[in-house]
Amino acid sequence: MDAATEGTFRDSTAPTVRWGHPAQGADLADALGTRIDNDDELDAALHVLVTLAGKAIDGAAGCGVTVTISDRTFTAVYSDARTLIVDADQYKAGDGPCLHAVRTGEVVRVDSVAADRRWPEFAKSASTENIHSFLAAPLYCASTRFGALNLYGQAPSAFTDGDVETATALTDAFAGALGDYERFDRVRGEASGLRFTMEHRAPIEQAKGILMATHRIDADAAFDMLVDMSQRTNRKLRDLALQFVRDCSATPT
């Protein structure tokens, strides 16, 4: 299967779905929380979503959440530095499995051959990080599609039909927890709240991920490096991180 179309918005009031991964027997709705009412709860739920997906889907070498707000696309939550790097390559290419899932509402599963054919620029970049398989499921609330759950695999065909069902169950449960929380609609015209928080945090998290991958250090050490650079250059941490990510993403001339 190259791509499975699920419907742009699935029923957020659908019955709770249980799935059979041996390490995960908990009810998905209980794991994610039954209701999300504010930005902090949303951020926590996204972290739970990524953690559950990584544990439940054996072929996943990395997992993250792509969010699109006010024509900006960034990685809000991620499992490891490599996921950030592969995400950044996809955003730079302007197309790929997670972006396709966000734009169309389709659940996308592609192996290395299909990825090379559909998104050659991105697939080539991903292969340098030993990523050859992709699974992306759209994230949505009652009336807004705002992102995608992304899973990256090292094997040429890492994901199964069962993995597609698991990813769909996870995103359905997440939509159920979101319910009528329409923050993603309202933030489009706001200068504060979730948009402000995510847009300012994302460059710092991305810069940390690049430093972690480059220097093989942990998140705390990467953050300390950014703080040190900020102090030495007398620049705000977010501004420095944003420029650092842009410089690292620039195409060599």
Protein backbone atom coordinates (compact mmCIF):
# COMPACT_ATOMS: atom_id res chain seq x y z
CA MET A 1 0.00 0.00 0.00
CA ASP A 2 1.44 3.34 -1.04
CA ALA A 3 -1.04 5.58 0.78
CA ALA A 4 -4.28 5.00 2.64
CA THR A 5 -6.86 7.74 2.57
CA GLU A 6 -8.72 8.01 5.83
CA GLY A 7 -11.04 11.02 5.49
CA THR A 8 -10.03 14.55 6.13
CA PHE A 9 -11.57 14.62 9.60
CA ARG A 10 -12.48 11.46 11.47
CA ASP A 11 -15.19 11.29 14.12
CA SER A 12 -13.65 12.55 17.37
CA THR A 13 -16.52 10.95 19.33
CA ALA A 14 -15.80 7.44 18.04
CA PRO A 15 -15.55 4.62 20.62
CA THR A 16 -12.27 4.10 22.37
CA VAL A 17 -9.92 1.85 20.40
CA ARG A 18 -7.70 -0.76 22.02
CA TRP A 19 -4.73 -2.26 20.30
CA GLY A 20 -2.65 -5.33 20.98
CA HIS A 21 1.03 -4.41 21.20
CA PRO A 22 2.38 -6.63 24.02
CA ALA A 23 4.13 -3.76 25.80
CA GLN A 24 1.12 -1.49 25.70
CA GLY A 25 -2.21 -2.73 27.07
CA ALA A 26 -3.61 0.57 28.34
CA ASP A 27 -6.65 2.25 26.89
CA LEU A 28 -5.42 4.92 24.46
CA ALA A 29 -7.87 7.55 25.67
CA ASP A 30 -6.72 7.01 29.27
CA ALA A 31 -3.08 7.26 28.24
CA LEU A 32 -3.60 10.52 26.34
CA GLY A 33 -6.10 12.01 28.79
CA THR A 34 -9.81 12.42 28.17
CA ARG A 35 -9.78 16.16 27.64
CA ILE A 36 -7.29 18.86 26.63
CA ASP A 37 -8.24 22.34 27.81
CA ASN A 38 -5.09 24.46 27.60
CA ASP A 39 -1.72 24.77 25.90
CA ASP A 40 0.25 22.98 28.62
CA GLU A 41 -2.06 19.97 28.44
CA LEU A 42 -1.78 19.99 24.66
CA ASP A 43 2.01 19.99 24.82
CA ALA A 44 1.97 17.13 27.35
CA ALA A 45 -0.45 15.12 25.20
CA LEU A 46 1.78 15.53 22.14
CA HIS A 47 4.71 14.12 24.14
CA VAL A 48 2.57 11.16 25.25
CA LEU A 49 1.47 10.60 21.64
CA VAL A 50 5.07 10.41 20.41
CA THR A 51 6.10 8.13 23.28
CA LEU A 52 3.21 5.71 22.67
CA ALA A 53 3.81 5.63 18.93
CA GLY A 54 7.49 4.89 19.36
CA LYS A 55 6.77 2.01 21.76
CA ALA A 56 3.85 0.54 19.85
CA ILE A 57 5.29 0.53 16.34
CA ASP A 58 8.33 -1.73 16.20
CA GLY A 59 9.66 -0.43 12.89
CA ALA A 60 9.90 3.17 14.10
CA ALA A 61 13.47 4.36 14.55
CA GLY A 62 12.23 7.90 15.20
CA CYS A 63 8.96 9.67 15.82
CA GLY A 64 7.77 13.27 15.94
CA VAL A 65 4.90 15.67 15.44
CA THR A 66 4.82 18.25 12.66
CA VAL A 67 2.63 21.29 13.28
CA THR A 68 1.53 23.91 10.77
CA ILE A 69 0.36 27.25 12.17
CA SER A 70 -0.04 30.51 10.25
CA ASP A 71 1.83 29.14 7.22
CA ARG A 72 4.74 28.05 9.43
CA THR A 73 5.72 24.40 9.65
CA PHE A 74 7.93 23.04 12.41
CA THR A 75 8.54 20.03 14.62
CA ALA A 76 6.76 20.51 17.94
CA VAL A 77 7.77 17.23 19.62
CA TYR A 78 10.38 14.64 18.65
CA SER A 79 11.94 11.43 19.96
CA ASP A 80 15.55 12.04 18.94
CA ALA A 81 17.89 14.41 17.13
CA ARG A 82 17.78 12.41 13.89
CA THR A 83 14.02 12.95 13.65
CA LEU A 84 14.60 16.69 13.78
CA ILE A 85 17.19 16.50 11.03
CA VAL A 86 14.99 14.41 8.74
CA ASP A 87 12.03 16.71 9.43
CA ALA A 88 14.13 19.75 8.55
CA ASP A 89 15.16 18.13 5.26
CA GLN A 90 11.49 17.55 4.43
CA TYR A 91 10.51 21.13 5.20
CA LYS A 92 13.42 22.35 3.10
CA ALA A 93 12.34 20.17 0.17
CA GLY A 94 8.80 21.48 0.55
CA ASP A 95 7.17 18.07 0.20
CA GLY A 96 7.25 14.61 1.70
CA PRO A 97 5.10 12.11 3.60
CA CYS A 98 4.27 14.22 6.67
CA LEU A 99 3.59 17.36 4.64
CA HIS A 100 1.37 15.32 2.32
CA ALA A 101 -0.55 13.99 5.34
CA VAL A 102 -1.03 17.51 6.70
CA ARG A 103 -2.23 18.90 3.38
CA THR A 104 -4.52 16.07 2.29
CA GLY A 105 -5.70 14.37 5.48
CA GLU A 106 -4.41 11.05 4.15
CA VAL A 107 -2.50 8.47 6.17
CA VAL A 108 0.70 7.93 4.17
CA ARG A 109 2.90 4.83 4.20
CA VAL A 110 5.79 4.63 1.75
CA ASP A 111 8.80 2.38 1.38
CA SER A 112 12.17 3.40 0.00
CA VAL A 113 11.23 2.76 -3.63
CA ALA A 114 8.01 4.78 -3.46
CA ALA A 115 9.73 7.58 -1.54
CA ASP A 116 12.48 7.82 -4.17
CA ARG A 117 9.85 8.09 -6.87
CA ARG A 118 7.53 10.59 -5.16
CA TRP A 119 9.98 12.78 -3.24
CA PRO A 120 13.47 12.18 -4.64
CA GLU A 121 15.11 15.21 -3.04
CA PHE A 122 13.78 14.45 0.42
CA ALA A 123 14.29 10.68 0.12
CA LYS A 124 17.94 11.21 -0.78
CA SER A 125 18.46 13.44 2.26
CA ALA A 126 16.66 11.00 4.56
CA SER A 127 18.78 8.10 3.31
CA THR A 128 21.92 9.86 4.51
CA GLU A 129 20.43 9.51 8.02
CA ASN A 130 19.68 5.81 7.32
CA ILE A 131 15.95 6.46 7.10
CA HIS A 132 14.21 4.57 4.28
CA SER A 133 10.56 4.12 5.33
CA PHE A 134 7.89 6.62 6.31
CA LEU A 135 4.51 6.55 8.02
CA ALA A 136 2.53 9.76 8.62
CA ALA A 137 -0.98 10.20 10.04
CA PRO A 138 -2.77 13.58 10.10
CA LEU A 139 -3.58 15.29 13.40
CA TYR A 140 -6.81 17.20 13.67
CA CYS A 141 -9.46 18.58 15.99
CA ALA A 142 -13.17 19.04 15.31
CA SER A 143 -12.78 21.26 12.25
CA THR A 144 -9.05 21.85 11.74
CA ARG A 145 -6.25 19.71 10.37
CA PHE A 146 -3.10 21.13 11.96
CA GLY A 147 -0.29 18.62 11.77
CA ALA A 148 0.87 15.03 11.44
CA LEU A 149 2.31 12.20 13.51
CA ASN A 150 5.50 11.12 11.71
CA LEU A 151 7.33 7.81 12.04
CA TYR A 152 10.65 7.06 10.37
CA GLY A 153 12.03 3.56 9.78
CA GLN A 154 15.49 2.29 8.91
CA ALA A 155 14.37 -0.81 6.99
CA PRO A 156 13.31 -0.35 3.35
CA SER A 157 9.74 -1.50 4.25
CA ALA A 158 9.55 -0.93 7.99
CA PHE A 159 5.81 -0.42 8.45
CA THR A 160 2.94 -2.89 8.15
CA ASP A 161 -0.82 -2.64 7.71
CA GLY A 162 -1.07 -3.14 11.46
CA ASP A 163 1.23 -0.16 12.02
CA VAL A 164 -1.09 1.98 9.90
CA GLU A 165 -4.01 0.86 12.09
CA THR A 166 -2.06 1.65 15.26
CA ALA A 167 -1.04 5.12 14.04
CA THR A 168 -4.66 5.80 13.07
CA ALA A 169 -5.90 4.63 16.47
CA LEU A 170 -3.43 6.95 18.17
CA THR A 171 -4.43 10.00 16.15
CA ASP A 172 -8.13 9.18 16.60
CA ALA A 173 -7.63 8.98 20.36
CA PHE A 174 -5.74 12.27 20.28
CA ALA A 175 -8.59 13.90 18.35
CA GLY A 176 -11.03 12.57 20.93
CA ALA A 177 -9.02 14.19 23.72
CA LEU A 178 -8.88 17.47 21.81
CA GLY A 179 -12.66 17.50 21.41
CA ASP A 180 -13.84 21.05 20.88
CA TYR A 181 -10.50 22.64 21.80
CA GLU A 182 -10.14 24.96 18.83
CA ARG A 183 -6.95 26.68 19.89
CA PHE A 184 -5.37 26.04 16.51
CA ASP A 185 -8.11 28.06 14.81
CA ARG A 186 -7.84 31.00 17.16
CA VAL A 187 -4.07 31.30 17.30
CA ARG A 188 -3.79 32.18 13.64
CA GLY A 189 -4.33 35.85 14.37
CA GLU A 190 -2.82 36.00 17.84
CA ALA A 191 0.57 37.25 18.98
CA SER A 192 0.55 35.20 22.18
CA GLY A 193 -0.50 31.80 23.48
CA LEU A 194 0.30 28.59 21.65
CA ARG A 195 1.54 30.19 18.44
CA PHE A 196 3.94 32.44 20.33
CA THR A 197 5.17 29.59 22.51
CA MET A 198 5.69 27.06 19.74
CA GLU A 199 7.17 29.48 17.21
CA HIS A 200 9.69 30.70 19.76
CA ARG A 201 10.48 27.29 21.22
CA ALA A 202 10.81 25.45 17.91
CA PRO A 203 14.10 27.08 16.75
CA ILE A 204 15.69 26.39 20.14
CA GLU A 205 14.61 22.74 20.07
CA GLN A 206 15.81 22.37 16.48
CA ALA A 207 19.17 23.96 17.27
CA LYS A 208 19.54 21.63 20.26
CA GLY A 209 18.81 18.64 18.03
CA ILE A 210 21.44 19.66 15.49
CA LEU A 211 24.05 20.13 18.22
CA MET A 212 23.10 16.78 19.80
CA ALA A 213 23.54 14.99 16.47
CA THR A 214 26.73 16.84 15.52
CA HIS A 215 28.57 16.57 18.83
CA ARG A 216 26.91 13.37 20.15
CA ILE A 217 25.85 15.11 23.35
CA ASP A 218 22.66 15.08 25.39
CA ALA A 219 19.93 17.74 25.43
CA ASP A 220 21.23 19.53 28.53
CA ALA A 221 24.74 19.87 27.11
CA ALA A 222 23.33 21.13 23.81
CA PHE A 223 21.26 23.75 25.61
CA ASP A 224 24.31 24.84 27.60
CA MET A 225 26.20 25.34 24.33
CA LEU A 226 23.40 27.55 23.00
CA VAL A 227 23.32 29.59 26.21
CA ASP A 228 27.09 30.05 26.05
CA MET A 229 26.89 31.23 22.42
CA SER A 230 24.05 33.57 23.35
CA GLN A 231 26.04 35.13 26.15
CA ARG A 232 29.24 35.46 24.12
CA THR A 233 27.47 37.12 21.19
CA ASN A 234 25.03 39.12 23.34
CA ARG A 235 22.07 37.85 21.32
CA LYS A 236 18.73 36.56 22.50
CA LEU A 237 18.68 32.78 22.70
CA ARG A 238 15.75 32.40 20.31
CA ASP A 239 17.29 34.75 17.70
CA LEU A 240 20.62 32.97 17.88
CA ALA A 241 18.96 29.55 17.58
CA LEU A 242 16.90 30.66 14.59
CA GLN A 243 19.99 31.93 12.75
CA PHE A 244 21.92 28.77 13.68
CA VAL A 245 19.19 26.54 12.20
CA ARG A 246 19.04 28.67 9.05
CA ASP A 247 22.81 28.50 8.62
CA CYS A 248 22.83 24.72 9.10
CA SER A 249 19.97 24.30 6.61
CA ALA A 250 21.50 26.55 3.96
CA THR A 251 22.52 24.87 0.71
CA PRO A 252 26.33 25.04 0.22
CA THR A 253 27.42 27.13 -2.74
